[in-house]
Amino acid sequence: MSEGRFFSQHPVLFVLLNFFIATVLVVVILLVVHFSLLSSTHHGEEIEVPDLSGMYIEEAQIVLEANELSYQIVDSTYDSSRKLGTVIQQIPIAGSHVKKHREIYLSINRKQIAKVLVPDVLDISYREARLRIESIGLKVDSIYKESEYKDLVLDILYKDKPIAPKLQLTKGETITLVLGKGKEDGVDNYNVVVPNLIGTPLSIARNIIQSQNLQLGGCISDDGVLDTVQNIYLVYDQEPQPRVATFAGATVSVYVTTDAAKVERMNNQRQQQEAEKEAEEEFF
């Protein structure tokens, strides 16, 4: 009896045989795929991440390649307590277990030290000056000398020598502020200098005025409406004017606007008037 005739007489067996063959083929294919994935993903093969902290990036690269790992620099910051160009952080952390060829993300200390310009903090309060200086990455020290204006910045020193604002220094360096001692007969009697609030946001101007032992007096908006919730106001004029001597507890009135161009225009006009006045005084 031929094979075709046999299965034509027994159709159930024919169906079962084809089902069996199909099942075997599926199992074989799944096994092949499974072992291929194990081979390509190195399943079960893990590497302990080495500690790269403090290594120069060139050293870290050699160590990672020896462990069949790669790296990517994702951040560069400056830390004065660490060597330039060295690793300061890594992800995953040292001791973690990863697969081969995993990318390790590195943060390094900059190879070049950042430079900053010393801000002009002369004739302002020590508190305000310190905030400005520390915000750009410099450190602050202070000494006192005789002056009727307490905590007013009289001079700026670098390595015990006077310097002018806008000098370029390295982040992390220290400058010394020479401050006035003020009178000894109590805070209510010594003179203070009115801070320069021109161009300052109203919210910050309030804090500066309070830090100088002064009080905010009038607050006048150029459009006649003061909406501090919806608008950000800038000081374009003040009374008394900047650097005028007054007494602790005095009031300072400010004139504000939402127009930044007006602030710049008024400030330029004021500087021109001051320059003309100085020139006139020198002439006579």
C-alpha atoms as a PDB file:
ATOM      1  CA  MET A   1       0.000   0.000   0.000  1.00  0.00           C
ATOM      2  CA  SER A   2       1.457   3.378  -0.948  1.00  0.00           C
ATOM      3  CA  GLU A   3       2.027   6.111   1.649  1.00  0.00           C
ATOM      4  CA  GLY A   4      -0.458   8.457   0.026  1.00  0.00           C
ATOM      5  CA  ARG A   5      -3.122   5.802  -0.089  1.00  0.00           C
ATOM      6  CA  PHE A   6      -2.435   4.914   3.562  1.00  0.00           C
ATOM      7  CA  PHE A   7      -3.000   8.469   4.796  1.00  0.00           C
ATOM      8  CA  SER A   8      -6.031   8.903   2.585  1.00  0.00           C
ATOM      9  CA  GLN A   9      -7.583   5.964   4.393  1.00  0.00           C
ATOM     10  CA  HIS A  10      -6.430   7.238   7.816  1.00  0.00           C
ATOM     11  CA  PRO A  11      -6.847  11.050   7.753  1.00  0.00           C
ATOM     12  CA  VAL A  12      -6.604  11.368  11.546  1.00  0.00           C
ATOM     13  CA  LEU A  13      -3.090   9.903  11.536  1.00  0.00           C
ATOM     14  CA  PHE A  14      -2.101  12.308   8.772  1.00  0.00           C
ATOM     15  CA  VAL A  15      -3.228  15.293  10.830  1.00  0.00           C
ATOM     16  CA  LEU A  16      -1.441  14.033  13.957  1.00  0.00           C
ATOM     17  CA  LEU A  17       1.793  13.439  12.048  1.00  0.00           C
ATOM     18  CA  ASN A  18       1.796  16.973  10.612  1.00  0.00           C
ATOM     19  CA  PHE A  19       1.034  18.410  14.036  1.00  0.00           C
ATOM     20  CA  PHE A  20       3.961  16.486  15.518  1.00  0.00           C
ATOM     21  CA  ILE A  21       6.337  17.663  12.803  1.00  0.00           C
ATOM     22  CA  ALA A  22       5.221  21.301  13.247  1.00  0.00           C
ATOM     23  CA  THR A  23       5.674  21.061  17.019  1.00  0.00           C
ATOM     24  CA  VAL A  24       9.201  19.711  16.641  1.00  0.00           C
ATOM     25  CA  LEU A  25      10.104  22.516  14.226  1.00  0.00           C
ATOM     26  CA  VAL A  26       8.774  25.198  16.623  1.00  0.00           C
ATOM     27  CA  VAL A  27      10.730  23.739  19.551  1.00  0.00           C
ATOM     28  CA  VAL A  28      13.921  23.598  17.472  1.00  0.00           C
ATOM     29  CA  ILE A  29      13.492  27.225  16.346  1.00  0.00           C
ATOM     30  CA  LEU A  30      12.856  28.417  19.927  1.00  0.00           C
ATOM     31  CA  LEU A  31      15.950  26.623  21.186  1.00  0.00           C
ATOM     32  CA  VAL A  32      18.083  28.138  18.449  1.00  0.00           C
ATOM     33  CA  VAL A  33      16.780  31.662  19.233  1.00  0.00           C
ATOM     34  CA  HIS A  34      17.241  31.160  22.984  1.00  0.00           C
ATOM     35  CA  PHE A  35      20.864  30.062  22.758  1.00  0.00           C
ATOM     36  CA  SER A  36      21.612  32.795  20.216  1.00  0.00           C
ATOM     37  CA  LEU A  37      20.315  35.421  22.659  1.00  0.00           C
ATOM     38  CA  LEU A  38      22.339  33.940  25.487  1.00  0.00           C
ATOM     39  CA  SER A  39      25.435  34.154  23.340  1.00  0.00           C
ATOM     40  CA  SER A  40      24.853  37.714  22.127  1.00  0.00           C
ATOM     41  CA  THR A  41      23.817  39.205  25.507  1.00  0.00           C
ATOM     42  CA  HIS A  42      26.381  37.291  27.572  1.00  0.00           C
ATOM     43  CA  HIS A  43      23.620  36.075  29.886  1.00  0.00           C
ATOM     44  CA  GLY A  44      25.030  35.221  33.284  1.00  0.00           C
ATOM     45  CA  GLU A  45      28.359  36.915  32.518  1.00  0.00           C
ATOM     46  CA  GLU A  46      28.745  39.988  34.765  1.00  0.00           C
ATOM     47  CA  ILE A  47      31.670  42.298  35.440  1.00  0.00           C
ATOM     48  CA  GLU A  48      32.314  44.215  38.638  1.00  0.00           C
ATOM     49  CA  VAL A  49      32.554  47.939  37.919  1.00  0.00           C
ATOM     50  CA  PRO A  50      35.997  49.235  38.990  1.00  0.00           C
ATOM     51  CA  ASP A  51      36.445  52.290  41.220  1.00  0.00           C
ATOM     52  CA  LEU A  52      37.496  55.131  38.910  1.00  0.00           C
ATOM     53  CA  SER A  53      37.310  57.941  41.475  1.00  0.00           C
ATOM     54  CA  GLY A  54      40.420  60.138  41.407  1.00  0.00           C
ATOM     55  CA  MET A  55      41.761  58.632  38.174  1.00  0.00           C
ATOM     56  CA  TYR A  56      42.720  60.811  35.260  1.00  0.00           C
ATOM     57  CA  ILE A  57      40.373  60.174  32.347  1.00  0.00           C
ATOM     58  CA  GLU A  58      43.194  58.510  30.382  1.00  0.00           C
ATOM     59  CA  GLU A  59      43.794  56.065  33.242  1.00  0.00           C
ATOM     60  CA  ALA A  60      40.067  55.377  33.606  1.00  0.00           C
ATOM     61  CA  GLN A  61      39.831  54.591  29.893  1.00  0.00           C
ATOM     62  CA  ILE A  62      42.593  51.974  30.136  1.00  0.00           C
ATOM     63  CA  VAL A  63      40.966  50.318  33.167  1.00  0.00           C
ATOM     64  CA  LEU A  64      37.535  50.215  31.534  1.00  0.00           C
ATOM     65  CA  GLU A  65      38.839  48.797  28.251  1.00  0.00           C
ATOM     66  CA  ALA A  66      40.696  46.087  30.162  1.00  0.00           C
ATOM     67  CA  ASN A  67      37.358  45.120  31.710  1.00  0.00           C
ATOM     68  CA  GLU A  68      35.555  45.238  28.354  1.00  0.00           C
ATOM     69  CA  LEU A  69      33.584  48.306  29.382  1.00  0.00           C
ATOM     70  CA  SER A  70      33.140  51.665  27.672  1.00  0.00           C
ATOM     71  CA  TYR A  71      32.514  55.161  29.031  1.00  0.00           C
ATOM     72  CA  GLN A  72      30.859  58.474  28.285  1.00  0.00           C
ATOM     73  CA  ILE A  73      31.610  61.834  29.929  1.00  0.00           C
ATOM     74  CA  VAL A  74      28.254  63.360  30.873  1.00  0.00           C
ATOM     75  CA  ASP A  75      29.328  66.260  33.089  1.00  0.00           C
ATOM     76  CA  SER A  76      32.309  68.506  33.729  1.00  0.00           C
ATOM     77  CA  THR A  77      32.450  70.621  36.884  1.00  0.00           C
ATOM     78  CA  TYR A  78      35.130  72.321  38.985  1.00  0.00           C
ATOM     79  CA  ASP A  79      36.083  71.122  42.456  1.00  0.00           C
ATOM     80  CA  SER A  80      39.099  72.879  43.985  1.00  0.00           C
ATOM     81  CA  SER A  81      39.665  69.951  46.378  1.00  0.00           C
ATOM     82  CA  ARG A  82      40.334  67.476  43.526  1.00  0.00           C
ATOM     83  CA  LYS A  83      42.970  67.185  40.825  1.00  0.00           C
ATOM     84  CA  LEU A  84      42.128  68.652  37.450  1.00  0.00           C
ATOM     85  CA  GLY A  85      40.974  66.174  34.808  1.00  0.00           C
ATOM     86  CA  THR A  86      40.112  63.392  37.260  1.00  0.00           C
ATOM     87  CA  VAL A  87      36.926  61.403  37.742  1.00  0.00           C
ATOM     88  CA  ILE A  88      34.721  62.723  40.559  1.00  0.00           C
ATOM     89  CA  GLN A  89      31.602  60.578  40.031  1.00  0.00           C
ATOM     90  CA  GLN A  90      30.553  57.473  38.091  1.00  0.00           C
ATOM     91  CA  ILE A  91      27.306  55.671  37.263  1.00  0.00           C
ATOM     92  CA  PRO A  92      26.957  52.753  37.949  1.00  0.00           C
ATOM     93  CA  ILE A  93      28.946  53.096  41.164  1.00  0.00           C
ATOM     94  CA  ALA A  94      32.065  51.072  41.920  1.00  0.00           C
ATOM     95  CA  GLY A  95      31.294  47.490  42.946  1.00  0.00           C
ATOM     96  CA  SER A  96      28.145  47.240  40.827  1.00  0.00           C
ATOM     97  CA  HIS A  97      27.823  44.258  38.494  1.00  0.00           C
ATOM     98  CA  VAL A  98      27.095  44.884  34.820  1.00  0.00           C
ATOM     99  CA  LYS A  99      27.322  43.034  31.522  1.00  0.00           C
ATOM    100  CA  LYS A 100      30.249  43.322  29.147  1.00  0.00           C
ATOM    101  CA  HIS A 101      30.451  46.405  26.959  1.00  0.00           C
ATOM    102  CA  ARG A 102      28.202  48.369  29.352  1.00  0.00           C
ATOM    103  CA  GLU A 103      28.718  52.145  29.138  1.00  0.00           C
ATOM    104  CA  ILE A 104      29.862  53.819  32.350  1.00  0.00           C
ATOM    105  CA  TYR A 105      28.805  57.467  32.758  1.00  0.00           C
ATOM    106  CA  LEU A 106      31.506  59.735  34.194  1.00  0.00           C
ATOM    107  CA  SER A 107      31.600  63.213  35.741  1.00  0.00           C
ATOM    108  CA  ILE A 108      35.065  64.744  35.677  1.00  0.00           C
ATOM    109  CA  ASN A 109      36.816  67.701  37.229  1.00  0.00           C
ATOM    110  CA  ARG A 110      37.584  70.287  34.563  1.00  0.00           C
ATOM    111  CA  LYS A 111      41.075  70.240  33.093  1.00  0.00           C
ATOM    112  CA  GLN A 112      41.138  74.047  33.108  1.00  0.00           C
ATOM    113  CA  ILE A 113      40.245  76.189  36.113  1.00  0.00           C
ATOM    114  CA  ALA A 114      37.344  78.567  35.512  1.00  0.00           C
ATOM    115  CA  LYS A 115      38.065  82.291  35.681  1.00  0.00           C
ATOM    116  CA  VAL A 116      35.687  84.959  37.030  1.00  0.00           C
ATOM    117  CA  LEU A 117      35.711  88.751  37.263  1.00  0.00           C
ATOM    118  CA  VAL A 118      35.783  90.361  40.699  1.00  0.00           C
ATOM    119  CA  PRO A 119      32.472  92.275  41.006  1.00  0.00           C
ATOM    120  CA  ASP A 120      32.328  95.940  41.929  1.00  0.00           C
ATOM    121  CA  VAL A 121      31.332  95.789  45.590  1.00  0.00           C
ATOM    122  CA  LEU A 122      32.844  99.069  46.775  1.00  0.00           C
ATOM    123  CA  ASP A 123      30.599 101.328  48.859  1.00  0.00           C
ATOM    124  CA  ILE A 124      27.957  98.666  49.514  1.00  0.00           C
ATOM    125  CA  SER A 125      27.194  96.620  52.621  1.00  0.00           C
ATOM    126  CA  TYR A 126      29.279  93.604  53.582  1.00  0.00           C
ATOM    127  CA  ARG A 127      26.240  91.312  53.431  1.00  0.00           C
ATOM    128  CA  GLU A 128      25.356  92.314  49.879  1.00  0.00           C
ATOM    129  CA  ALA A 129      29.009  92.215  48.774  1.00  0.00           C
ATOM    130  CA  ARG A 130      29.523  88.741  50.191  1.00  0.00           C
ATOM    131  CA  LEU A 131      26.431  87.405  48.395  1.00  0.00           C
ATOM    132  CA  ARG A 132      27.667  88.785  45.073  1.00  0.00           C
ATOM    133  CA  ILE A 133      31.188  87.428  45.488  1.00  0.00           C
ATOM    134  CA  GLU A 134      30.248  83.956  46.700  1.00  0.00           C
ATOM    135  CA  SER A 135      27.629  83.595  43.940  1.00  0.00           C
ATOM    136  CA  ILE A 136      30.406  83.595  41.304  1.00  0.00           C
ATOM    137  CA  GLY A 137      32.594  81.060  43.121  1.00  0.00           C
ATOM    138  CA  LEU A 138      35.073  83.213  45.050  1.00  0.00           C
ATOM    139  CA  LYS A 139      35.665  83.059  48.807  1.00  0.00           C
ATOM    140  CA  VAL A 140      35.441  86.045  51.145  1.00  0.00           C
ATOM    141  CA  ASP A 141      37.525  87.161  54.109  1.00  0.00           C
ATOM    142  CA  SER A 142      37.248  90.498  55.898  1.00  0.00           C
ATOM    143  CA  ILE A 143      39.176  92.982  58.015  1.00  0.00           C
ATOM    144  CA  TYR A 144      38.069  96.245  59.649  1.00  0.00           C
ATOM    145  CA  LYS A 145      39.435  99.781  59.668  1.00  0.00           C
ATOM    146  CA  GLU A 146      38.303 103.031  61.250  1.00  0.00           C
ATOM    147  CA  SER A 147      35.277 104.507  59.485  1.00  0.00           C
ATOM    148  CA  GLU A 148      31.982 106.002  60.574  1.00  0.00           C
ATOM    149  CA  TYR A 149      30.119 103.691  58.176  1.00  0.00           C
ATOM    150  CA  LYS A 150      29.701 100.278  59.768  1.00  0.00           C
ATOM    151  CA  ASP A 151      30.219  97.224  57.507  1.00  0.00           C
ATOM    152  CA  LEU A 152      30.609  99.369  54.400  1.00  0.00           C
ATOM    153  CA  VAL A 153      33.095  97.907  51.876  1.00  0.00           C
ATOM    154  CA  LEU A 154      35.959 100.405  51.689  1.00  0.00           C
ATOM    155  CA  ASP A 155      38.500  98.405  49.708  1.00  0.00           C
ATOM    156  CA  ILE A 156      39.169  94.997  48.105  1.00  0.00           C
ATOM    157  CA  LEU A 157      42.395  93.093  48.741  1.00  0.00           C
ATOM    158  CA  TYR A 158      43.916  90.092  46.992  1.00  0.00           C
ATOM    159  CA  LYS A 159      46.983  88.556  48.631  1.00  0.00           C
ATOM    160  CA  ASP A 160      47.141  91.619  50.902  1.00  0.00           C
ATOM    161  CA  LYS A 161      47.288  94.054  47.979  1.00  0.00           C
ATOM    162  CA  PRO A 162      44.497  96.400  46.833  1.00  0.00           C
ATOM    163  CA  ILE A 163      42.812  95.403  43.583  1.00  0.00           C
ATOM    164  CA  ALA A 164      40.253  97.031  41.326  1.00  0.00           C
ATOM    165  CA  PRO A 165      36.920  95.489  40.337  1.00  0.00           C
ATOM    166  CA  LYS A 166      36.835  93.450  37.110  1.00  0.00           C
ATOM    167  CA  LEU A 167      40.182  91.787  37.866  1.00  0.00           C
ATOM    168  CA  GLN A 168      40.134  88.193  36.618  1.00  0.00           C
ATOM    169  CA  LEU A 169      40.698  85.542  39.295  1.00  0.00           C
ATOM    170  CA  THR A 170      40.402  81.774  39.518  1.00  0.00           C
ATOM    171  CA  LYS A 171      37.266  80.285  41.023  1.00  0.00           C
ATOM    172  CA  GLY A 172      37.854  79.181  44.610  1.00  0.00           C
ATOM    173  CA  GLU A 173      40.363  81.931  45.408  1.00  0.00           C
ATOM    174  CA  THR A 174      39.871  84.271  48.357  1.00  0.00           C
ATOM    175  CA  ILE A 175      39.587  88.050  48.364  1.00  0.00           C
ATOM    176  CA  THR A 176      39.556  90.219  51.471  1.00  0.00           C
ATOM    177  CA  LEU A 177      37.069  93.015  52.013  1.00  0.00           C
ATOM    178  CA  VAL A 178      38.133  96.025  54.052  1.00  0.00           C
ATOM    179  CA  LEU A 179      35.080  97.092  56.098  1.00  0.00           C
ATOM    180  CA  GLY A 180      34.255 100.162  58.139  1.00  0.00           C
ATOM    181  CA  LYS A 181      34.086  99.675  61.923  1.00  0.00           C
ATOM    182  CA  GLY A 182      31.351 102.252  62.501  1.00  0.00           C
ATOM    183  CA  LYS A 183      30.697 104.117  65.715  1.00  0.00           C
ATOM    184  CA  GLU A 184      30.754 102.326  69.050  1.00  0.00           C
ATOM    185  CA  ASP A 185      27.688 103.938  70.618  1.00  0.00           C
ATOM    186  CA  GLY A 186      25.022 101.612  69.224  1.00  0.00           C
ATOM    187  CA  VAL A 187      23.308 100.691  65.993  1.00  0.00           C
ATOM    188  CA  ASP A 188      20.771 103.499  66.239  1.00  0.00           C
ATOM    189  CA  ASN A 189      23.428 106.236  66.014  1.00  0.00           C
ATOM    190  CA  TYR A 190      25.941 105.200  63.375  1.00  0.00           C
ATOM    191  CA  ASN A 191      25.616 106.411  59.823  1.00  0.00           C
ATOM    192  CA  VAL A 192      24.820 104.067  56.964  1.00  0.00           C
ATOM    193  CA  VAL A 193      25.187 104.506  53.221  1.00  0.00           C
ATOM    194  CA  VAL A 194      22.112 104.139  51.017  1.00  0.00           C
ATOM    195  CA  PRO A 195      22.637 101.117  48.735  1.00  0.00           C
ATOM    196  CA  ASN A 196      22.370 101.356  44.949  1.00  0.00           C
ATOM    197  CA  LEU A 197      19.038  99.744  44.051  1.00  0.00           C
ATOM    198  CA  ILE A 198      18.850 100.864  40.410  1.00  0.00           C
ATOM    199  CA  GLY A 199      18.016  97.928  38.126  1.00  0.00           C
ATOM    200  CA  THR A 200      17.241  95.642  41.056  1.00  0.00           C
ATOM    201  CA  PRO A 201      13.958  93.671  41.172  1.00  0.00           C
ATOM    202  CA  LEU A 202      11.605  95.098  43.783  1.00  0.00           C
ATOM    203  CA  SER A 203      11.562  91.883  45.841  1.00  0.00           C
ATOM    204  CA  ILE A 204      15.364  91.922  46.128  1.00  0.00           C
ATOM    205  CA  ALA A 205      15.467  95.676  46.761  1.00  0.00           C
ATOM    206  CA  ARG A 206      13.264  95.142  49.841  1.00  0.00           C
ATOM    207  CA  ASN A 207      15.750  92.608  51.250  1.00  0.00           C
ATOM    208  CA  ILE A 208      18.738  94.867  50.564  1.00  0.00           C
ATOM    209  CA  ILE A 209      17.067  97.817  52.300  1.00  0.00           C
ATOM    210  CA  GLN A 210      16.295  95.694  55.383  1.00  0.00           C
ATOM    211  CA  SER A 211      19.840  94.285  55.469  1.00  0.00           C
ATOM    212  CA  GLN A 212      21.163  97.879  55.730  1.00  0.00           C
ATOM    213  CA  ASN A 213      19.008  98.638  58.783  1.00  0.00           C
ATOM    214  CA  LEU A 214      16.839 100.886  56.619  1.00  0.00           C
ATOM    215  CA  GLN A 215      13.114 100.822  55.867  1.00  0.00           C
ATOM    216  CA  LEU A 216      11.204 100.782  52.596  1.00  0.00           C
ATOM    217  CA  GLY A 217       9.192 103.983  52.322  1.00  0.00           C
ATOM    218  CA  GLY A 218       7.148 104.789  49.254  1.00  0.00           C
ATOM    219  CA  CYS A 219       6.961 102.407  46.297  1.00  0.00           C
ATOM    220  CA  ILE A 220       5.710 104.229  43.212  1.00  0.00           C
ATOM    221  CA  SER A 221       5.008 102.533  39.879  1.00  0.00           C
ATOM    222  CA  ASP A 222       5.445 104.566  36.682  1.00  0.00           C
ATOM    223  CA  ASP A 223       2.032 103.410  35.423  1.00  0.00           C
ATOM    224  CA  GLY A 224       0.266 104.327  38.659  1.00  0.00           C
ATOM    225  CA  VAL A 225      -0.687 100.714  39.426  1.00  0.00           C
ATOM    226  CA  LEU A 226       1.437  98.377  41.539  1.00  0.00           C
ATOM    227  CA  ASP A 227       0.557  94.754  40.780  1.00  0.00           C
ATOM    228  CA  THR A 228       3.356  92.680  42.323  1.00  0.00           C
ATOM    229  CA  VAL A 229       1.490  89.424  41.667  1.00  0.00           C
ATOM    230  CA  GLN A 230       1.268  89.761  37.871  1.00  0.00           C
ATOM    231  CA  ASN A 231       4.292  91.942  37.145  1.00  0.00           C
ATOM    232  CA  ILE A 232       8.015  91.916  37.898  1.00  0.00           C
ATOM    233  CA  TYR A 233       9.055  95.470  38.787  1.00  0.00           C
ATOM    234  CA  LEU A 234      12.555  96.923  38.484  1.00  0.00           C
ATOM    235  CA  VAL A 235      13.814  99.949  40.409  1.00  0.00           C
ATOM    236  CA  TYR A 236      14.634 102.822  38.028  1.00  0.00           C
ATOM    237  CA  ASP A 237      15.018 105.602  40.609  1.00  0.00           C
ATOM    238  CA  GLN A 238      15.274 105.995  44.370  1.00  0.00           C
ATOM    239  CA  GLU A 239      15.268 108.590  47.118  1.00  0.00           C
ATOM    240  CA  PRO A 240      17.735 109.133  48.759  1.00  0.00           C
ATOM    241  CA  GLN A 241      20.110 108.548  45.859  1.00  0.00           C
ATOM    242  CA  PRO A 242      22.745 105.750  46.016  1.00  0.00           C
ATOM    243  CA  ARG A 243      25.775 106.208  48.290  1.00  0.00           C
ATOM    244  CA  VAL A 244      24.196 109.055  50.252  1.00  0.00           C
ATOM    245  CA  ALA A 245      24.914 108.905  53.990  1.00  0.00           C
ATOM    246  CA  THR A 246      21.893 108.596  56.268  1.00  0.00           C
ATOM    247  CA  PHE A 247      21.036 107.155  59.672  1.00  0.00           C
ATOM    248  CA  ALA A 248      19.938 103.649  60.627  1.00  0.00           C
ATOM    249  CA  GLY A 249      16.176 103.264  60.444  1.00  0.00           C
ATOM    250  CA  ALA A 250      15.722 105.902  57.729  1.00  0.00           C
ATOM    251  CA  THR A 251      13.293 105.219  54.892  1.00  0.00           C
ATOM    252  CA  VAL A 252      14.195 104.702  51.249  1.00  0.00           C
ATOM    253  CA  SER A 253      11.570 105.293  48.586  1.00  0.00           C
ATOM    254  CA  VAL A 254      11.782 103.537  45.238  1.00  0.00           C
ATOM    255  CA  TYR A 255      10.317 104.172  41.798  1.00  0.00           C
ATOM    256  CA  VAL A 256       9.623 101.027  39.792  1.00  0.00           C
ATOM    257  CA  THR A 257       8.709  99.991  36.266  1.00  0.00           C
ATOM    258  CA  THR A 258       8.191  96.837  34.212  1.00  0.00           C
ATOM    259  CA  ASP A 259      10.089  98.440  31.301  1.00  0.00           C
ATOM    260  CA  ALA A 260      13.726  97.238  31.370  1.00  0.00           C
ATOM    261  CA  ALA A 261      14.649  99.717  28.620  1.00  0.00           C
ATOM    262  CA  LYS A 262      13.506 102.582  30.835  1.00  0.00           C
ATOM    263  CA  VAL A 263      15.765 101.355  33.635  1.00  0.00           C
ATOM    264  CA  GLU A 264      18.769 101.365  31.318  1.00  0.00           C
ATOM    265  CA  ARG A 265      17.870 104.768  29.891  1.00  0.00           C
ATOM    266  CA  MET A 266      17.459 106.356  33.327  1.00  0.00           C
ATOM    267  CA  ASN A 267      20.646 104.754  34.613  1.00  0.00           C
ATOM    268  CA  ASN A 268      22.680 106.054  31.640  1.00  0.00           C
ATOM    269  CA  GLN A 269      21.235 109.519  32.175  1.00  0.00           C
ATOM    270  CA  ARG A 270      22.147 109.428  35.871  1.00  0.00           C
ATOM    271  CA  GLN A 271      25.719 108.299  35.156  1.00  0.00           C
ATOM    272  CA  GLN A 272      26.141 111.098  32.621  1.00  0.00           C
ATOM    273  CA  GLN A 273      24.936 113.677  35.152  1.00  0.00           C
ATOM    274  CA  GLU A 274      27.336 112.330  37.781  1.00  0.00           C
ATOM    275  CA  ALA A 275      30.228 112.453  35.322  1.00  0.00           C
ATOM    276  CA  GLU A 276      29.402 116.061  34.393  1.00  0.00           C
ATOM    277  CA  LYS A 277      29.200 117.010  38.070  1.00  0.00           C
ATOM    278  CA  GLU A 278      32.584 115.427  38.829  1.00  0.00           C
ATOM    279  CA  ALA A 279      34.145 117.187  35.850  1.00  0.00           C
ATOM    280  CA  GLU A 280      32.707 120.513  37.032  1.00  0.00           C
ATOM    281  CA  GLU A 281      34.062 120.007  40.556  1.00  0.00           C
ATOM    282  CA  GLU A 282      37.514 119.149  39.229  1.00  0.00           C
ATOM    283  CA  PHE A 283      37.495 122.263  37.033  1.00  0.00           C
ATOM    284  CA  PHE A 284      36.777 124.580  39.957  1.00  0.00           C
END
